[in-house]
């Protein structure tokens, strides 16, 4: 009971928002995406980074960063085949599937992407597309909140 009251208190919310930065939010979204889609990796790559943003910390981030990005969802390959050739390599993992969805700022400009990477070809269903759009919306909301709190006008 005391924990519930503490979670609902404004003091808890403000201390939590001070402690949690964009890096933690990005890591959480990557964990959720990996589990939600059952893929080898879910990568958040932000083009414009600062001390609290995403970086090319892993080979998977570097792989995702080097892929061409379109204005909308990109799924490669479009159809699953057990004979799909590797699309690239990340450490010891042969990439046989990836999906990229752009991440946008408040002005609609692309500022990053979420990438799903897997070692086996897989189907990407309409439900998967909806879930990825939802995951991007969560990331964009976190990004917008971070940018608002970091802007001089917000202080």
C-alpha atoms as a PDB file:
ATOM      1  CA  UNK A   1       0.000   0.000   0.000  1.00  0.00           C
ATOM      2  CA  UNK A   2       2.791   2.441   0.857  1.00  0.00           C
ATOM      3  CA  UNK A   3       4.503   1.669  -2.438  1.00  0.00           C
ATOM      4  CA  UNK A   4       1.345   2.531  -4.374  1.00  0.00           C
ATOM      5  CA  UNK A   5       1.037   5.868  -2.581  1.00  0.00           C
ATOM      6  CA  UNK A   6       4.719   6.580  -3.207  1.00  0.00           C
ATOM      7  CA  UNK A   7       4.381   5.812  -6.931  1.00  0.00           C
ATOM      8  CA  UNK A   8       1.435   8.175  -7.237  1.00  0.00           C
ATOM      9  CA  UNK A   9       3.103  11.054  -5.411  1.00  0.00           C
ATOM     10  CA  UNK A  10       4.348  14.041  -7.429  1.00  0.00           C
ATOM     11  CA  UNK A  11       7.688  13.898  -5.585  1.00  0.00           C
ATOM     12  CA  UNK A  12       8.336  10.379  -6.899  1.00  0.00           C
ATOM     13  CA  UNK A  13       7.460  11.373 -10.470  1.00  0.00           C
ATOM     14  CA  UNK A  14       9.765  14.410 -10.483  1.00  0.00           C
ATOM     15  CA  UNK A  15      12.718  12.518  -9.003  1.00  0.00           C
ATOM     16  CA  UNK A  16      12.180   9.714 -11.485  1.00  0.00           C
ATOM     17  CA  UNK A  17      12.120  12.095 -14.442  1.00  0.00           C
ATOM     18  CA  UNK A  18      15.381  13.691 -13.259  1.00  0.00           C
ATOM     19  CA  UNK A  19      17.076  10.300 -12.909  1.00  0.00           C
ATOM     20  CA  UNK A  20      15.884   8.756 -16.123  1.00  0.00           C
ATOM     21  CA  UNK A  21      17.438  10.105 -19.291  1.00  0.00           C
ATOM     22  CA  UNK A  22      17.111   9.272 -22.946  1.00  0.00           C
ATOM     23  CA  UNK A  23      19.745   6.525 -22.748  1.00  0.00           C
ATOM     24  CA  UNK A  24      17.621   4.520 -20.298  1.00  0.00           C
ATOM     25  CA  UNK A  25      14.483   5.045 -22.374  1.00  0.00           C
ATOM     26  CA  UNK A  26      16.276   3.890 -25.536  1.00  0.00           C
ATOM     27  CA  UNK A  27      17.653   0.795 -23.781  1.00  0.00           C
ATOM     28  CA  UNK A  28      14.155  -0.044 -22.518  1.00  0.00           C
ATOM     29  CA  UNK A  29      12.658   0.331 -25.999  1.00  0.00           C
ATOM     30  CA  UNK A  30      15.391  -1.902 -27.468  1.00  0.00           C
ATOM     31  CA  UNK A  31      14.655  -4.603 -24.863  1.00  0.00           C
ATOM     32  CA  UNK A  32      10.907  -4.378 -25.501  1.00  0.00           C
ATOM     33  CA  UNK A  33      11.355  -4.565 -29.267  1.00  0.00           C
ATOM     34  CA  UNK A  34      13.674  -7.558 -29.087  1.00  0.00           C
ATOM     35  CA  UNK A  35      11.194  -9.439 -26.905  1.00  0.00           C
ATOM     36  CA  UNK A  36       8.043  -8.279 -28.729  1.00  0.00           C
ATOM     37  CA  UNK A  37       9.268  -9.309 -32.186  1.00  0.00           C
ATOM     38  CA  UNK A  38      11.409 -12.305 -31.164  1.00  0.00           C
ATOM     39  CA  UNK A  39      14.399 -10.986 -33.128  1.00  0.00           C
ATOM     40  CA  UNK A  40      18.127 -11.137 -32.467  1.00  0.00           C
ATOM     41  CA  UNK A  41      18.335  -7.386 -31.937  1.00  0.00           C
ATOM     42  CA  UNK A  42      16.183  -4.281 -31.797  1.00  0.00           C
ATOM     43  CA  UNK A  43      18.329  -1.227 -32.455  1.00  0.00           C
ATOM     44  CA  UNK A  44      17.543   2.423 -31.871  1.00  0.00           C
ATOM     45  CA  UNK A  45      19.852   4.617 -33.903  1.00  0.00           C
ATOM     46  CA  UNK A  46      19.513   8.385 -33.559  1.00  0.00           C
ATOM     47  CA  UNK A  47      21.250  10.488 -36.212  1.00  0.00           C
ATOM     48  CA  UNK A  48      21.718  13.457 -33.907  1.00  0.00           C
ATOM     49  CA  UNK A  49      23.179  12.355 -30.619  1.00  0.00           C
ATOM     50  CA  UNK A  50      24.406  14.092 -27.548  1.00  0.00           C
ATOM     51  CA  UNK A  51      25.786  12.851 -24.248  1.00  0.00           C
ATOM     52  CA  UNK A  52      22.516  11.083 -23.423  1.00  0.00           C
ATOM     53  CA  UNK A  53      21.601   9.769 -26.876  1.00  0.00           C
ATOM     54  CA  UNK A  54      22.240   6.575 -28.756  1.00  0.00           C
ATOM     55  CA  UNK A  55      25.660   5.895 -30.209  1.00  0.00           C
ATOM     56  CA  UNK A  56      27.334   3.310 -32.400  1.00  0.00           C
ATOM     57  CA  UNK A  57      28.085   1.287 -29.282  1.00  0.00           C
ATOM     58  CA  UNK A  58      27.679  -2.111 -30.909  1.00  0.00           C
ATOM     59  CA  UNK A  59      28.226  -3.750 -34.271  1.00  0.00           C
ATOM     60  CA  UNK A  60      24.430  -3.998 -34.582  1.00  0.00           C
ATOM     61  CA  UNK A  61      24.148  -0.196 -34.224  1.00  0.00           C
ATOM     62  CA  UNK A  62      26.829   0.261 -36.902  1.00  0.00           C
ATOM     63  CA  UNK A  63      25.018  -2.202 -39.209  1.00  0.00           C
ATOM     64  CA  UNK A  64      21.726  -0.366 -38.752  1.00  0.00           C
ATOM     65  CA  UNK A  65      23.368   3.027 -39.323  1.00  0.00           C
ATOM     66  CA  UNK A  66      24.861   2.033 -42.673  1.00  0.00           C
ATOM     67  CA  UNK A  67      21.549   0.856 -44.183  1.00  0.00           C
ATOM     68  CA  UNK A  68      19.685   3.174 -46.545  1.00  0.00           C
ATOM     69  CA  UNK A  69      16.641   4.688 -44.896  1.00  0.00           C
ATOM     70  CA  UNK A  70      13.411   5.433 -46.708  1.00  0.00           C
ATOM     71  CA  UNK A  71      10.528   7.641 -45.558  1.00  0.00           C
ATOM     72  CA  UNK A  72       8.483   4.632 -44.476  1.00  0.00           C
ATOM     73  CA  UNK A  73       8.823   1.089 -43.176  1.00  0.00           C
ATOM     74  CA  UNK A  74      11.394  -0.998 -45.009  1.00  0.00           C
ATOM     75  CA  UNK A  75      11.374  -4.805 -44.648  1.00  0.00           C
ATOM     76  CA  UNK A  76      14.135  -6.921 -46.232  1.00  0.00           C
ATOM     77  CA  UNK A  77      13.499  -9.482 -47.536  1.00  0.00           C
ATOM     78  CA  UNK A  78       9.853  -8.829 -48.277  1.00  0.00           C
ATOM     79  CA  UNK A  79       9.128 -12.565 -48.381  1.00  0.00           C
ATOM     80  CA  UNK A  80      10.554 -15.241 -46.132  1.00  0.00           C
ATOM     81  CA  UNK A  81      12.643 -17.984 -47.722  1.00  0.00           C
ATOM     82  CA  UNK A  82      14.731 -20.666 -46.012  1.00  0.00           C
ATOM     83  CA  UNK A  83      17.375 -20.089 -48.701  1.00  0.00           C
ATOM     84  CA  UNK A  84      17.759 -16.363 -48.088  1.00  0.00           C
ATOM     85  CA  UNK A  85      21.361 -15.260 -48.518  1.00  0.00           C
ATOM     86  CA  UNK A  86      22.929 -13.263 -45.712  1.00  0.00           C
ATOM     87  CA  UNK A  87      22.259  -9.528 -46.005  1.00  0.00           C
ATOM     88  CA  UNK A  88      25.238  -8.693 -43.836  1.00  0.00           C
ATOM     89  CA  UNK A  89      27.160  -9.834 -40.811  1.00  0.00           C
ATOM     90  CA  UNK A  90      27.168  -8.581 -37.238  1.00  0.00           C
ATOM     91  CA  UNK A  91      29.950 -10.167 -35.221  1.00  0.00           C
ATOM     92  CA  UNK A  92      29.230 -13.918 -35.711  1.00  0.00           C
ATOM     93  CA  UNK A  93      25.600 -13.378 -36.758  1.00  0.00           C
ATOM     94  CA  UNK A  94      24.562 -13.652 -40.416  1.00  0.00           C
ATOM     95  CA  UNK A  95      21.721 -11.159 -40.909  1.00  0.00           C
ATOM     96  CA  UNK A  96      18.924 -12.641 -42.991  1.00  0.00           C
ATOM     97  CA  UNK A  97      16.132 -10.245 -42.036  1.00  0.00           C
ATOM     98  CA  UNK A  98      15.837  -6.617 -41.060  1.00  0.00           C
ATOM     99  CA  UNK A  99      13.095  -4.036 -40.775  1.00  0.00           C
ATOM    100  CA  UNK A 100      13.728  -0.307 -40.471  1.00  0.00           C
ATOM    101  CA  UNK A 101      11.221   2.315 -39.386  1.00  0.00           C
ATOM    102  CA  UNK A 102      12.155   6.008 -39.356  1.00  0.00           C
ATOM    103  CA  UNK A 103      11.897   8.042 -36.161  1.00  0.00           C
ATOM    104  CA  UNK A 104      10.798  11.657 -36.565  1.00  0.00           C
ATOM    105  CA  UNK A 105      11.046  14.833 -34.529  1.00  0.00           C
ATOM    106  CA  UNK A 106       8.117  17.178 -33.864  1.00  0.00           C
ATOM    107  CA  UNK A 107       8.704  18.855 -37.244  1.00  0.00           C
ATOM    108  CA  UNK A 108       8.421  15.531 -39.087  1.00  0.00           C
ATOM    109  CA  UNK A 109      12.111  15.344 -39.967  1.00  0.00           C
ATOM    110  CA  UNK A 110      13.762  11.935 -39.755  1.00  0.00           C
ATOM    111  CA  UNK A 111      16.158  11.936 -36.798  1.00  0.00           C
ATOM    112  CA  UNK A 112      16.785   8.220 -36.464  1.00  0.00           C
ATOM    113  CA  UNK A 113      15.422   4.756 -36.916  1.00  0.00           C
ATOM    114  CA  UNK A 114      14.398   1.619 -35.134  1.00  0.00           C
ATOM    115  CA  UNK A 115      15.852  -1.503 -36.701  1.00  0.00           C
ATOM    116  CA  UNK A 116      14.827  -5.101 -36.127  1.00  0.00           C
ATOM    117  CA  UNK A 117      17.554  -7.599 -37.037  1.00  0.00           C
ATOM    118  CA  UNK A 118      17.327 -11.380 -37.121  1.00  0.00           C
ATOM    119  CA  UNK A 119      19.561 -14.268 -38.187  1.00  0.00           C
ATOM    120  CA  UNK A 120      16.724 -16.148 -39.889  1.00  0.00           C
ATOM    121  CA  UNK A 121      14.336 -14.899 -42.572  1.00  0.00           C
ATOM    122  CA  UNK A 122      10.928 -14.210 -41.096  1.00  0.00           C
ATOM    123  CA  UNK A 123       7.523 -13.005 -42.135  1.00  0.00           C
ATOM    124  CA  UNK A 124       6.586  -9.484 -41.078  1.00  0.00           C
ATOM    125  CA  UNK A 125       2.827  -9.423 -40.613  1.00  0.00           C
ATOM    126  CA  UNK A 126       0.370  -6.536 -40.544  1.00  0.00           C
ATOM    127  CA  UNK A 127       0.261  -6.999 -36.768  1.00  0.00           C
ATOM    128  CA  UNK A 128       4.058  -6.675 -36.649  1.00  0.00           C
ATOM    129  CA  UNK A 129       3.811  -3.444 -38.664  1.00  0.00           C
ATOM    130  CA  UNK A 130       1.274  -2.005 -36.233  1.00  0.00           C
ATOM    131  CA  UNK A 131       3.381  -2.994 -33.227  1.00  0.00           C
ATOM    132  CA  UNK A 132       6.504  -1.441 -34.764  1.00  0.00           C
ATOM    133  CA  UNK A 133       4.600   1.789 -35.442  1.00  0.00           C
ATOM    134  CA  UNK A 134       3.493   1.762 -31.790  1.00  0.00           C
ATOM    135  CA  UNK A 135       7.069   1.202 -30.598  1.00  0.00           C
ATOM    136  CA  UNK A 136       8.269   4.100 -32.771  1.00  0.00           C
ATOM    137  CA  UNK A 137       5.513   6.297 -31.300  1.00  0.00           C
ATOM    138  CA  UNK A 138       6.764   5.493 -27.786  1.00  0.00           C
ATOM    139  CA  UNK A 139      10.332   6.371 -28.791  1.00  0.00           C
ATOM    140  CA  UNK A 140       9.227   9.599 -30.483  1.00  0.00           C
ATOM    141  CA  UNK A 141       7.309  10.604 -27.371  1.00  0.00           C
ATOM    142  CA  UNK A 142      10.386   9.984 -25.207  1.00  0.00           C
ATOM    143  CA  UNK A 143      12.558  11.884 -27.678  1.00  0.00           C
ATOM    144  CA  UNK A 144      10.148  14.840 -27.816  1.00  0.00           C
ATOM    145  CA  UNK A 145       9.947  14.966 -24.017  1.00  0.00           C
ATOM    146  CA  UNK A 146      13.744  14.836 -23.754  1.00  0.00           C
ATOM    147  CA  UNK A 147      14.174  17.602 -26.336  1.00  0.00           C
ATOM    148  CA  UNK A 148      11.528  19.761 -24.620  1.00  0.00           C
ATOM    149  CA  UNK A 149      13.191  19.405 -21.226  1.00  0.00           C
ATOM    150  CA  UNK A 150      16.639  20.057 -22.721  1.00  0.00           C
ATOM    151  CA  UNK A 151      15.629  23.193 -24.643  1.00  0.00           C
ATOM    152  CA  UNK A 152      16.436  26.561 -23.028  1.00  0.00           C
ATOM    153  CA  UNK A 153      12.791  27.661 -23.383  1.00  0.00           C
ATOM    154  CA  UNK A 154      11.672  24.725 -21.210  1.00  0.00           C
ATOM    155  CA  UNK A 155      13.909  25.756 -18.314  1.00  0.00           C
END
